[in-house]
């Protein structure tokens, strides 16, 4: 003991030993925190994660996490299937950054399938289904194909099909300044080709392509028939986007899309699968229904290689029904989204933090990953959703203001640059006739009315609102900011991975604290005026 005046202190070198005298670790474990009888229903703002020990740099933190039983993402971020959030541009760039985008279904089946196709064709390993043309294809037709698919460089074969003798390639340069649209491509195509033989590995083919300085490398069999291709643009994308979410076999970007649970959605899904879909999300505000359970069983029987995510759910009982039906993942949330008013109007739902913990802890026993969907306003909310057991987090309003979301930016009355954003339960979304097919029965095929079981209603009851959100710039800057913030948060918690976070929450190593209203005020900005820049 050391004395200081009249006060006696313990030897400072014994601090770690003295800490063991306390019966409990500081703070609350996850079970005490999420005890509904004691705490009530909690949102993300109602608690904090207590800091741990930092023994590593933030760069050492890994964010790999499963979105389904069979598919894992490098970054646990997912864009919502809303018509003001995710179309093919968002899906492409979310996948390039290591997450995934879920394409909305408030459009015709053909339009949605076309968006899936654009995502799948954006990046490839071996291109097993290249767009092939014949020598008689005209320059005008080749230009139209480039406009349709968003890329050029079409192989020319005798029959215009894969498996036929390769004659040449038509590149962008060959047709860019051609004004005779009726001229056959045989007069402008490149015939001096560098090829690789079938059986070559992707690594070997990429080396040949890099040395050739060509844009495309056709892969041919011994008879000179085209069997596949690789593209220089894909090689470049590999360098620029090392975390990109890709399928193991084709090396194409992973694509997800939403459908409803009506009989006609089975035909829609068939078109999406034909376009290359990897994950389907059954889009419903209340997933525990006979419609969804029947649809899950049908999909697992008809498309066993397709991963199915069910939802939305907020209770163990809801989750159990869908897990028993065979889902590969669950989507958690009801009424917590920034544009959703389900809890207010329907008096049904659950505070999001409580919902995420109860459902994900139950689903974990069956190896079913969960998406925390809704209520995400900042990096801290992402961290909390993951700490409560979710494997990924879905965002709508947070991404609606980015460059890659559908729609155009405009200046608000306050002089701020914004983009339109609406909930799928808003009257605007449910009355969207173009999205519903444009006919007098458009309401029956509208994604908004289907999600909220309102197809046959004579009076639509809104469960969402329409408005605008601040412009946030490109996904290619915003998502890396979210990922960097997530890594630093895990570092503060002393966790090197999301798997370790889940394990340490479960065993009580990670601790929490309830935030009172005054504590939330204390944790915010308390200044007369300030400028809040999120990243630089």
Protein backbone atom coordinates (compact mmCIF):
# COMPACT_ATOMS: atom_id res chain seq x y z
CA UNK A 1 0.00 0.00 0.00
CA UNK A 2 1.22 3.53 -0.74
CA UNK A 3 0.28 6.55 1.36
CA UNK A 4 -0.50 10.04 0.11
CA UNK A 5 -1.29 12.30 3.06
CA UNK A 6 -4.13 10.60 4.91
CA UNK A 7 -5.28 8.50 1.92
CA UNK A 8 -3.85 5.06 1.26
CA UNK A 9 -3.73 3.66 -2.29
CA UNK A 10 -3.14 0.24 -3.76
CA UNK A 11 0.03 -0.48 -5.67
CA UNK A 12 -0.62 0.54 -9.29
CA UNK A 13 1.03 -2.60 -10.64
CA UNK A 14 -1.73 -4.69 -9.08
CA UNK A 15 -4.57 -3.00 -11.03
CA UNK A 16 -5.21 -5.98 -13.30
CA UNK A 17 -5.35 -8.39 -10.35
CA UNK A 18 -7.65 -6.11 -8.35
CA UNK A 19 -10.00 -5.96 -11.36
CA UNK A 20 -10.65 -9.68 -10.88
CA UNK A 21 -12.23 -8.96 -7.49
CA UNK A 22 -15.35 -7.59 -9.19
CA UNK A 23 -18.04 -10.22 -9.67
CA UNK A 24 -19.27 -8.78 -12.95
CA UNK A 25 -17.61 -7.04 -15.86
CA UNK A 26 -18.45 -3.39 -16.32
CA UNK A 27 -21.67 -2.71 -18.25
CA UNK A 28 -24.42 -5.10 -19.36
CA UNK A 29 -24.21 -8.33 -21.31
CA UNK A 30 -26.45 -8.77 -24.34
CA UNK A 31 -29.14 -10.67 -22.44
CA UNK A 32 -29.49 -8.01 -19.74
CA UNK A 33 -29.51 -5.30 -22.40
CA UNK A 34 -32.21 -6.94 -24.51
CA UNK A 35 -34.44 -8.08 -21.65
CA UNK A 36 -37.78 -6.67 -22.87
CA UNK A 37 -39.39 -7.10 -19.46
CA UNK A 38 -36.80 -4.84 -17.87
CA UNK A 39 -35.88 -2.48 -20.71
CA UNK A 40 -38.87 -2.49 -23.06
CA UNK A 41 -38.30 -2.46 -26.82
CA UNK A 42 -35.04 -0.79 -27.84
CA UNK A 43 -33.94 1.12 -30.94
CA UNK A 44 -30.34 1.64 -32.04
CA UNK A 45 -30.20 5.00 -30.26
CA UNK A 46 -31.10 3.46 -26.89
CA UNK A 47 -27.73 1.86 -26.13
CA UNK A 48 -23.97 1.99 -26.71
CA UNK A 49 -21.24 -0.62 -27.07
CA UNK A 50 -18.55 -0.26 -24.42
CA UNK A 51 -14.94 0.02 -25.65
CA UNK A 52 -12.51 -2.89 -25.47
CA UNK A 53 -8.74 -3.16 -25.89
CA UNK A 54 -7.04 -1.93 -29.08
CA UNK A 55 -4.14 -4.22 -29.93
CA UNK A 56 -4.21 -3.94 -33.73
CA UNK A 57 -4.65 -1.31 -36.50
CA UNK A 58 -8.07 -0.69 -38.05
CA UNK A 59 -6.67 -2.01 -41.34
CA UNK A 60 -6.39 -5.46 -39.73
CA UNK A 61 -10.18 -5.68 -39.24
CA UNK A 62 -11.99 -7.93 -41.70
CA UNK A 63 -15.65 -7.42 -42.59
CA UNK A 64 -16.46 -10.68 -44.39
CA UNK A 65 -19.97 -11.83 -43.52
CA UNK A 66 -22.61 -14.17 -45.00
CA UNK A 67 -25.79 -12.84 -46.58
CA UNK A 68 -27.15 -16.36 -47.19
CA UNK A 69 -26.10 -19.87 -46.20
CA UNK A 70 -23.96 -20.13 -49.35
CA UNK A 71 -22.90 -16.58 -50.23
CA UNK A 72 -20.51 -14.36 -48.26
CA UNK A 73 -19.80 -10.67 -48.87
CA UNK A 74 -16.56 -8.77 -48.22
CA UNK A 75 -18.54 -5.83 -46.83
CA UNK A 76 -21.84 -6.45 -44.94
CA UNK A 77 -23.82 -3.74 -46.74
CA UNK A 78 -26.95 -4.23 -48.87
CA UNK A 79 -29.05 -1.68 -50.77
CA UNK A 80 -32.83 -1.92 -50.39
CA UNK A 81 -35.19 -3.07 -53.19
CA UNK A 82 -36.95 0.30 -53.43
CA UNK A 83 -37.68 2.05 -56.72
CA UNK A 84 -35.82 5.18 -55.58
CA UNK A 85 -32.80 3.21 -54.34
CA UNK A 86 -31.76 0.16 -56.38
CA UNK A 87 -31.72 -0.41 -60.11
CA UNK A 88 -28.81 -1.85 -62.11
CA UNK A 89 -26.43 1.10 -61.54
CA UNK A 90 -26.74 0.81 -57.76
CA UNK A 91 -26.53 -3.00 -57.90
CA UNK A 92 -23.36 -2.87 -60.00
CA UNK A 93 -21.54 -0.40 -57.79
CA UNK A 94 -22.66 -1.99 -54.51
CA UNK A 95 -21.24 -5.31 -55.76
CA UNK A 96 -18.01 -3.67 -56.93
CA UNK A 97 -17.51 -2.27 -53.43
CA UNK A 98 -17.98 -5.68 -51.81
CA UNK A 99 -21.68 -5.49 -50.88
CA UNK A 100 -24.77 -6.30 -52.95
CA UNK A 101 -27.72 -4.39 -54.36
CA UNK A 102 -31.26 -5.78 -54.46
CA UNK A 103 -33.08 -4.67 -57.63
CA UNK A 104 -36.65 -3.53 -57.00
CA UNK A 105 -39.67 -5.12 -58.70
CA UNK A 106 -41.85 -2.05 -59.20
CA UNK A 107 -41.43 -2.55 -62.95
CA UNK A 108 -42.29 -5.13 -65.59
CA UNK A 109 -40.66 -8.58 -65.38
CA UNK A 110 -38.76 -7.92 -68.62
CA UNK A 111 -37.40 -4.61 -67.32
CA UNK A 112 -36.25 -6.22 -64.08
CA UNK A 113 -34.65 -9.14 -65.94
CA UNK A 114 -32.86 -6.68 -68.19
CA UNK A 115 -31.40 -4.94 -65.13
CA UNK A 116 -30.23 -8.29 -63.72
CA UNK A 117 -28.61 -9.06 -67.07
CA UNK A 118 -26.72 -5.75 -67.06
CA UNK A 119 -25.32 -6.50 -63.61
CA UNK A 120 -24.24 -10.02 -64.58
CA UNK A 121 -22.59 -8.86 -67.81
CA UNK A 122 -20.74 -5.95 -66.22
CA UNK A 123 -17.82 -8.08 -65.07
CA UNK A 124 -16.80 -11.59 -65.93
CA UNK A 125 -14.06 -14.17 -65.58
CA UNK A 126 -14.55 -16.37 -68.61
CA UNK A 127 -17.47 -14.93 -70.58
CA UNK A 128 -19.41 -18.11 -71.28
CA UNK A 129 -22.29 -16.42 -73.12
CA UNK A 130 -20.77 -13.56 -75.15
CA UNK A 131 -22.90 -11.56 -77.56
CA UNK A 132 -21.95 -13.13 -80.91
CA UNK A 133 -22.77 -11.80 -84.40
CA UNK A 134 -22.41 -13.04 -87.99
CA UNK A 135 -20.35 -11.54 -90.82
CA UNK A 136 -23.61 -10.27 -92.37
CA UNK A 137 -24.58 -8.24 -89.29
CA UNK A 138 -24.60 -4.56 -90.28
CA UNK A 139 -22.65 -1.73 -88.68
CA UNK A 140 -25.95 -0.20 -87.60
CA UNK A 141 -27.00 -3.41 -85.87
CA UNK A 142 -23.61 -3.65 -84.10
CA UNK A 143 -24.01 -0.07 -82.85
CA UNK A 144 -27.51 -0.91 -81.59
CA UNK A 145 -26.10 -3.89 -79.67
CA UNK A 146 -23.49 -1.64 -78.08
CA UNK A 147 -26.22 0.79 -77.04
CA UNK A 148 -28.35 -2.04 -75.62
CA UNK A 149 -25.65 -3.84 -73.62
CA UNK A 150 -23.40 -0.92 -72.68
CA UNK A 151 -20.25 -2.51 -74.11
CA UNK A 152 -18.64 -3.22 -77.48
CA UNK A 153 -16.28 -5.83 -78.86
CA UNK A 154 -18.42 -8.55 -80.44
CA UNK A 155 -16.92 -11.80 -81.79
CA UNK A 156 -17.96 -12.73 -85.33
CA UNK A 157 -18.55 -16.41 -86.11
CA UNK A 158 -19.85 -18.29 -89.15
CA UNK A 159 -23.26 -19.00 -87.61
CA UNK A 160 -23.43 -16.03 -85.26
CA UNK A 161 -23.46 -18.41 -82.30
CA UNK A 162 -21.09 -19.71 -79.68
CA UNK A 163 -19.42 -22.97 -80.76
CA UNK A 164 -19.06 -21.84 -84.37
CA UNK A 165 -15.81 -20.99 -86.22
CA UNK A 166 -14.35 -17.64 -85.13
CA UNK A 167 -13.89 -15.20 -88.05
CA UNK A 168 -13.02 -11.92 -86.32
CA UNK A 169 -14.00 -9.31 -83.75
CA UNK A 170 -15.81 -6.00 -84.18
CA UNK A 171 -14.48 -3.44 -81.70
CA UNK A 172 -15.72 0.04 -80.80
CA UNK A 173 -12.94 1.56 -82.85
CA UNK A 174 -14.05 -0.34 -85.95
CA UNK A 175 -17.55 1.15 -86.00
CA UNK A 176 -17.20 4.41 -84.03
CA UNK A 177 -16.88 6.69 -87.09
CA UNK A 178 -18.63 4.51 -89.65
CA UNK A 179 -21.51 6.35 -91.31
CA UNK A 180 -22.59 3.56 -93.68
CA UNK A 181 -24.90 1.74 -91.30
CA UNK A 182 -25.86 -0.88 -93.92
CA UNK A 183 -22.25 -2.00 -94.42
CA UNK A 184 -21.65 -5.60 -93.18
CA UNK A 185 -19.25 -5.96 -90.27
CA UNK A 186 -17.14 -8.34 -92.38
CA UNK A 187 -15.75 -5.21 -94.09
CA UNK A 188 -14.65 -3.50 -90.85
CA UNK A 189 -13.91 -6.33 -88.37
CA UNK A 190 -10.46 -7.24 -87.07
CA UNK A 191 -9.26 -10.59 -88.38
CA UNK A 192 -5.69 -10.57 -87.03
CA UNK A 193 -6.58 -12.17 -83.71
CA UNK A 194 -4.68 -13.41 -80.69
CA UNK A 195 -6.50 -16.35 -79.12
CA UNK A 196 -6.04 -18.89 -76.35
CA UNK A 197 -6.88 -22.57 -76.46
CA UNK A 198 -9.73 -24.10 -74.48
CA UNK A 199 -8.47 -25.48 -71.18
CA UNK A 200 -6.37 -22.43 -70.38
CA UNK A 201 -6.73 -21.20 -66.79
CA UNK A 202 -8.14 -17.75 -66.03
CA UNK A 203 -4.76 -16.66 -64.63
CA UNK A 204 -2.95 -17.82 -67.79
CA UNK A 205 -5.55 -16.20 -70.04
CA UNK A 206 -5.25 -12.89 -68.17
CA UNK A 207 -1.45 -12.96 -68.69
CA UNK A 208 -1.90 -13.53 -72.44
CA UNK A 209 -4.44 -10.70 -72.58
CA UNK A 210 -2.16 -8.32 -70.67
CA UNK A 211 0.77 -9.06 -73.01
CA UNK A 212 -1.34 -8.82 -76.18
CA UNK A 213 -2.54 -5.27 -75.47
CA UNK A 214 -5.86 -6.29 -77.06
CA UNK A 215 -9.29 -5.53 -75.61
CA UNK A 216 -10.65 -9.09 -75.87
CA UNK A 217 -9.13 -12.56 -75.81
CA UNK A 218 -11.25 -15.24 -77.56
CA UNK A 219 -10.92 -18.80 -76.27
CA UNK A 220 -11.18 -21.37 -79.09
CA UNK A 221 -11.11 -25.15 -79.37
CA UNK A 222 -8.74 -27.14 -81.59
CA UNK A 223 -10.98 -26.55 -84.62
CA UNK A 224 -11.02 -22.78 -84.09
CA UNK A 225 -14.57 -22.66 -82.76
CA UNK A 226 -15.34 -19.96 -80.21
CA UNK A 227 -16.03 -21.38 -76.73
CA UNK A 228 -15.64 -18.31 -74.46
CA UNK A 229 -13.86 -14.96 -74.05
CA UNK A 230 -12.18 -12.74 -71.50
CA UNK A 231 -12.11 -8.94 -71.50
CA UNK A 232 -9.39 -6.40 -70.66
CA UNK A 233 -11.97 -4.19 -68.97
CA UNK A 234 -12.64 -7.01 -66.49
CA UNK A 235 -8.91 -7.27 -65.79
CA UNK A 236 -8.88 -3.54 -65.02
CA UNK A 237 -11.92 -3.84 -62.75
CA UNK A 238 -10.16 -6.60 -60.79
CA UNK A 239 -7.35 -4.17 -60.01
CA UNK A 240 -9.62 -1.26 -59.08
CA UNK A 241 -12.21 -3.26 -57.10
CA UNK A 242 -10.42 -6.07 -55.22
CA UNK A 243 -13.33 -6.57 -52.78
CA UNK A 244 -15.98 -7.01 -55.49
CA UNK A 245 -18.74 -9.54 -54.72
CA UNK A 246 -18.43 -12.26 -57.37
CA UNK A 247 -19.66 -15.78 -57.96
CA UNK A 248 -17.00 -18.44 -57.49
CA UNK A 249 -17.49 -20.10 -60.87
CA UNK A 250 -18.16 -17.36 -63.45
CA UNK A 251 -16.48 -14.48 -61.57
CA UNK A 252 -19.50 -12.33 -62.47
CA UNK A 253 -20.88 -9.79 -60.00
CA UNK A 254 -23.38 -11.18 -57.51
CA UNK A 255 -26.87 -9.91 -58.23
CA UNK A 256 -29.96 -9.97 -56.02
CA UNK A 257 -33.53 -8.96 -56.87
CA UNK A 258 -36.89 -8.80 -55.12
CA UNK A 259 -40.20 -10.34 -56.13
CA UNK A 260 -43.63 -10.57 -54.53
CA UNK A 261 -45.55 -13.68 -53.50
CA UNK A 262 -48.35 -13.62 -56.09
CA UNK A 263 -48.78 -16.46 -58.63
CA UNK A 264 -47.52 -14.25 -61.48
CA UNK A 265 -44.29 -13.67 -59.57
CA UNK A 266 -43.33 -17.25 -60.41
CA UNK A 267 -43.16 -16.25 -64.09
CA UNK A 268 -41.20 -13.12 -63.14
CA UNK A 269 -38.69 -15.21 -61.20
CA UNK A 270 -38.17 -17.60 -64.12
CA UNK A 271 -37.07 -14.62 -66.25
CA UNK A 272 -34.75 -13.35 -63.52
CA UNK A 273 -33.12 -16.76 -63.11
CA UNK A 274 -32.66 -16.97 -66.89
CA UNK A 275 -30.90 -13.58 -66.70
CA UNK A 276 -28.45 -14.97 -64.12
CA UNK A 277 -29.96 -14.05 -60.73
CA UNK A 278 -28.02 -15.29 -57.66
CA UNK A 279 -30.29 -14.25 -54.75
CA UNK A 280 -34.03 -13.63 -54.62
CA UNK A 281 -35.64 -11.67 -51.80
CA UNK A 282 -39.33 -12.23 -51.13
CA UNK A 283 -40.55 -8.70 -50.56
CA UNK A 284 -43.31 -8.40 -47.97
CA UNK A 285 -43.92 -6.13 -44.99
CA UNK A 286 -45.12 -9.20 -43.04
CA UNK A 287 -43.35 -12.34 -44.19
CA UNK A 288 -45.11 -14.90 -42.01
CA UNK A 289 -47.90 -15.68 -44.47
CA UNK A 290 -49.23 -18.68 -46.34
CA UNK A 291 -48.31 -16.90 -49.59
CA UNK A 292 -44.63 -16.59 -48.71
CA UNK A 293 -44.27 -20.05 -47.22
CA UNK A 294 -45.77 -21.61 -50.36
CA UNK A 295 -43.49 -19.47 -52.55
CA UNK A 296 -40.35 -20.50 -50.60
CA UNK A 297 -41.14 -24.18 -50.99
CA UNK A 298 -41.88 -23.74 -54.71
CA UNK A 299 -38.62 -21.86 -55.36
CA UNK A 300 -36.49 -24.39 -53.47
CA UNK A 301 -38.04 -27.15 -55.58
CA UNK A 302 -37.89 -25.38 -58.95
CA UNK A 303 -34.59 -23.52 -58.53
CA UNK A 304 -32.48 -25.39 -55.95
CA UNK A 305 -29.32 -23.44 -56.83
CA UNK A 306 -31.01 -20.08 -56.17
CA UNK A 307 -30.61 -18.59 -52.67
CA UNK A 308 -33.89 -17.38 -51.11
CA UNK A 309 -34.17 -14.67 -48.45
CA UNK A 310 -37.52 -14.46 -46.66
CA UNK A 311 -39.14 -11.70 -44.64
CA UNK A 312 -39.76 -9.29 -43.30
CA UNK A 313 -39.97 -10.66 -39.75
CA UNK A 314 -39.48 -9.24 -36.24
CA UNK A 315 -40.29 -12.21 -33.96
CA UNK A 316 -38.94 -15.71 -33.40
CA UNK A 317 -42.34 -17.16 -34.27
CA UNK A 318 -42.37 -15.45 -37.66
CA UNK A 319 -38.80 -16.53 -38.33
CA UNK A 320 -39.46 -20.16 -37.40
CA UNK A 321 -42.13 -20.52 -40.10
CA UNK A 322 -39.81 -19.29 -42.84
CA UNK A 323 -36.79 -21.25 -41.59
CA UNK A 324 -38.89 -24.42 -41.58
CA UNK A 325 -39.96 -23.66 -45.17
CA UNK A 326 -36.29 -23.61 -46.24
CA UNK A 327 -35.05 -19.99 -46.48
CA UNK A 328 -31.32 -19.33 -46.92
CA UNK A 329 -31.53 -15.97 -45.15
CA UNK A 330 -33.94 -13.66 -43.31
CA UNK A 331 -34.72 -9.94 -43.51
CA UNK A 332 -35.58 -8.28 -40.20
CA UNK A 333 -37.59 -5.10 -39.72
CA UNK A 334 -41.14 -3.80 -39.67
CA UNK A 335 -41.92 -0.11 -39.54
CA UNK A 336 -38.41 1.11 -38.69
CA UNK A 337 -37.43 2.60 -42.06
CA UNK A 338 -37.07 6.37 -42.47
CA UNK A 339 -39.92 6.47 -45.02
CA UNK A 340 -42.10 3.86 -43.29
CA UNK A 341 -45.12 4.58 -41.08
CA UNK A 342 -46.36 1.01 -40.53
CA UNK A 343 -45.89 1.15 -36.74
CA UNK A 344 -47.78 4.44 -36.55
CA UNK A 345 -50.66 3.52 -38.86
CA UNK A 346 -51.02 -0.23 -38.26
CA UNK A 347 -49.85 -0.38 -34.63
CA UNK A 348 -47.92 -3.49 -35.66
CA UNK A 349 -44.15 -3.94 -35.72
CA UNK A 350 -41.27 -3.87 -33.26
CA UNK A 351 -38.42 -1.54 -32.26
CA UNK A 352 -35.57 -2.51 -34.55
CA UNK A 353 -32.80 -3.32 -32.04
CA UNK A 354 -35.06 -5.70 -30.12
CA UNK A 355 -36.28 -7.29 -33.35
CA UNK A 356 -32.77 -7.84 -34.71
CA UNK A 357 -31.51 -9.47 -31.53
CA UNK A 358 -34.45 -11.81 -30.98
CA UNK A 359 -34.71 -13.01 -34.57
CA UNK A 360 -30.98 -13.30 -35.34
CA UNK A 361 -30.18 -15.16 -32.11
CA UNK A 362 -32.89 -17.69 -32.98
CA UNK A 363 -31.92 -17.99 -36.65
CA UNK A 364 -28.25 -18.49 -35.72
CA UNK A 365 -29.16 -21.84 -34.20
CA UNK A 366 -30.08 -23.03 -37.71
CA UNK A 367 -27.18 -21.35 -39.53
CA UNK A 368 -29.50 -18.82 -41.21
CA UNK A 369 -27.89 -15.36 -41.72
CA UNK A 370 -30.02 -12.26 -41.10
CA UNK A 371 -30.25 -8.82 -42.69
CA UNK A 372 -31.04 -5.91 -40.37
CA UNK A 373 -33.37 -3.88 -42.60
CA UNK A 374 -34.39 -0.36 -41.57
CA UNK A 375 -33.56 2.31 -39.03
CA UNK A 376 -30.00 2.86 -40.33
CA UNK A 377 -29.07 6.54 -40.21
CA UNK A 378 -25.29 6.41 -39.68
CA UNK A 379 -22.24 4.17 -39.23
CA UNK A 380 -23.05 3.67 -35.53
CA UNK A 381 -26.40 2.12 -36.37
CA UNK A 382 -24.70 -0.29 -38.79
CA UNK A 383 -22.31 -1.39 -36.04
CA UNK A 384 -25.14 -1.89 -33.55
CA UNK A 385 -27.24 -3.92 -35.99
CA UNK A 386 -24.28 -6.23 -36.58
CA UNK A 387 -23.44 -6.44 -32.85
CA UNK A 388 -27.00 -7.59 -32.15
CA UNK A 389 -26.51 -10.60 -34.41
CA UNK A 390 -27.28 -9.49 -37.98
CA UNK A 391 -24.74 -10.61 -40.57
CA UNK A 392 -25.52 -7.78 -42.99
CA UNK A 393 -27.34 -4.44 -42.90
CA UNK A 394 -29.81 -3.15 -45.52
CA UNK A 395 -30.07 0.57 -46.26
CA UNK A 396 -32.66 2.59 -48.14
CA UNK A 397 -32.72 6.28 -47.23
CA UNK A 398 -29.00 6.32 -46.46
CA UNK A 399 -28.22 5.36 -50.09
CA UNK A 400 -31.15 7.06 -51.87
CA UNK A 401 -29.22 10.30 -52.16
CA UNK A 402 -26.22 8.80 -53.93
CA UNK A 403 -25.38 9.35 -57.59
CA UNK A 404 -26.12 5.72 -58.49
CA UNK A 405 -29.70 5.67 -57.17
CA UNK A 406 -32.53 6.09 -59.74
CA UNK A 407 -33.80 9.57 -60.50
CA UNK A 408 -32.19 12.96 -60.90
CA UNK A 409 -30.93 15.45 -58.36
CA UNK A 410 -32.70 18.78 -57.85
CA UNK A 411 -32.40 21.84 -55.65
CA UNK A 412 -34.87 22.02 -52.75
CA UNK A 413 -36.67 25.15 -51.60
CA UNK A 414 -33.96 25.56 -48.98
CA UNK A 415 -31.32 25.63 -51.70
CA UNK A 416 -29.91 22.16 -50.95
CA UNK A 417 -29.09 19.51 -53.54
CA UNK A 418 -31.44 16.53 -52.96
CA UNK A 419 -32.88 13.42 -54.62
CA UNK A 420 -36.43 12.06 -54.43
CA UNK A 421 -37.04 9.19 -52.00
CA UNK A 422 -40.25 7.34 -51.16
CA UNK A 423 -41.33 4.35 -49.15
CA UNK A 424 -42.81 1.45 -51.10
CA UNK A 425 -45.92 1.80 -48.93
CA UNK A 426 -46.42 5.44 -49.91
CA UNK A 427 -49.45 6.40 -51.99
CA UNK A 428 -47.10 7.62 -54.76
CA UNK A 429 -45.44 4.20 -55.01
CA UNK A 430 -48.68 2.20 -54.78
CA UNK A 431 -50.38 4.33 -57.46
CA UNK A 432 -47.43 4.22 -59.86
CA UNK A 433 -49.23 3.02 -63.01
CA UNK A 434 -46.08 2.73 -65.08
CA UNK A 435 -44.53 0.45 -62.51
CA UNK A 436 -47.74 -1.56 -62.33
CA UNK A 437 -47.94 -2.14 -66.07
CA UNK A 438 -49.75 1.00 -67.16
CA UNK A 439 -53.19 -0.59 -67.58
CA UNK A 440 -56.42 -0.12 -65.66
CA UNK A 441 -55.50 -3.10 -63.44
CA UNK A 442 -52.04 -1.71 -62.72
CA UNK A 443 -52.70 -1.70 -58.97
CA UNK A 444 -52.87 -5.51 -58.92
CA UNK A 445 -49.33 -5.87 -60.30
CA UNK A 446 -47.76 -2.96 -58.44
CA UNK A 447 -44.88 -3.91 -56.10
CA UNK A 448 -46.02 -1.47 -53.44
CA UNK A 449 -49.53 -2.85 -53.15
CA UNK A 450 -48.18 -6.41 -53.25
CA UNK A 451 -45.71 -5.75 -50.43
CA UNK A 452 -48.52 -4.49 -48.18
CA UNK A 453 -51.24 -6.95 -49.32
CA UNK A 454 -53.31 -4.13 -50.88
CA UNK A 455 -53.77 -5.35 -54.47
CA UNK A 456 -57.56 -5.59 -54.22
CA UNK A 457 -58.24 -2.65 -51.92
CA UNK A 458 -60.64 0.04 -53.14
CA UNK A 459 -59.04 2.48 -50.68
CA UNK A 460 -55.26 2.42 -50.29
CA UNK A 461 -53.93 2.90 -46.76
CA UNK A 462 -50.46 4.46 -46.82
CA UNK A 463 -47.71 2.73 -44.84
CA UNK A 464 -44.98 4.99 -46.17
CA UNK A 465 -44.26 8.59 -47.17
CA UNK A 466 -42.63 10.44 -50.08
CA UNK A 467 -40.00 13.12 -49.78
CA UNK A 468 -36.37 13.91 -50.54
CA UNK A 469 -32.96 13.16 -49.05
CA UNK A 470 -29.69 15.07 -49.20
CA UNK A 471 -27.37 14.24 -52.09
CA UNK A 472 -24.43 12.17 -50.78
CA UNK A 473 -22.20 11.83 -53.83
CA UNK A 474 -21.10 8.55 -55.38
CA UNK A 475 -21.44 5.10 -53.87
CA UNK A 476 -17.77 4.63 -54.77
CA UNK A 477 -16.86 7.13 -52.04
CA UNK A 478 -19.78 6.72 -49.63
CA UNK A 479 -19.61 2.93 -49.18
CA UNK A 480 -15.83 2.95 -48.51
CA UNK A 481 -16.53 5.63 -45.87
CA UNK A 482 -19.13 3.37 -44.21
CA UNK A 483 -16.73 0.41 -44.33
CA UNK A 484 -13.87 2.46 -42.86
CA UNK A 485 -16.12 3.71 -40.07
CA UNK A 486 -17.22 0.15 -39.35
CA UNK A 487 -13.61 -1.01 -39.11
CA UNK A 488 -12.72 1.77 -36.67
CA UNK A 489 -15.75 0.95 -34.53
CA UNK A 490 -14.74 -2.71 -34.33
CA UNK A 491 -11.23 -1.58 -33.43
CA UNK A 492 -12.61 0.53 -30.56
CA UNK A 493 -14.52 -2.55 -29.39
CA UNK A 494 -11.38 -4.69 -29.56
CA UNK A 495 -12.79 -6.93 -32.31
CA UNK A 496 -10.82 -7.98 -35.40
CA UNK A 497 -13.76 -9.40 -37.37
CA UNK A 498 -17.54 -9.61 -37.43
CA UNK A 499 -17.34 -13.28 -36.53
CA UNK A 500 -15.33 -12.40 -33.41
CA UNK A 501 -17.83 -9.65 -32.61
CA UNK A 502 -20.73 -12.12 -32.71
CA UNK A 503 -18.85 -14.66 -30.59
CA UNK A 504 -17.80 -12.10 -27.98
CA UNK A 505 -21.30 -10.61 -27.75
CA UNK A 506 -22.68 -14.09 -27.17
CA UNK A 507 -20.11 -15.04 -24.49
CA UNK A 508 -20.44 -11.71 -22.66
CA UNK A 509 -17.01 -10.27 -23.47
CA UNK A 510 -18.56 -7.36 -25.41
CA UNK A 511 -20.53 -5.15 -23.02
CA UNK A 512 -23.25 -2.57 -23.50
CA UNK A 513 -24.84 0.39 -21.71
CA UNK A 514 -28.34 1.83 -21.84
CA UNK A 515 -28.53 5.47 -22.99
CA UNK A 516 -30.98 7.76 -21.23
CA UNK A 517 -32.49 10.70 -23.11
CA UNK A 518 -29.93 13.04 -21.53
CA UNK A 519 -27.12 10.62 -22.42
CA UNK A 520 -28.22 10.71 -26.05
CA UNK A 521 -28.20 14.51 -25.92
CA UNK A 522 -24.73 14.44 -24.38
CA UNK A 523 -23.44 12.18 -27.15
CA UNK A 524 -24.62 14.55 -29.88
CA UNK A 525 -23.19 17.84 -31.09
CA UNK A 526 -23.70 20.69 -28.62
CA UNK A 527 -22.66 23.87 -30.44
CA UNK A 528 -24.35 27.03 -31.64
CA UNK A 529 -23.27 26.36 -35.21
CA UNK A 530 -21.13 23.74 -36.90
CA UNK A 531 -20.37 22.05 -40.20
CA UNK A 532 -20.73 18.27 -40.26
CA UNK A 533 -18.52 16.64 -42.88
CA UNK A 534 -18.83 12.86 -42.87
CA UNK A 535 -15.67 12.00 -44.82
CA UNK A 536 -12.85 13.44 -46.87
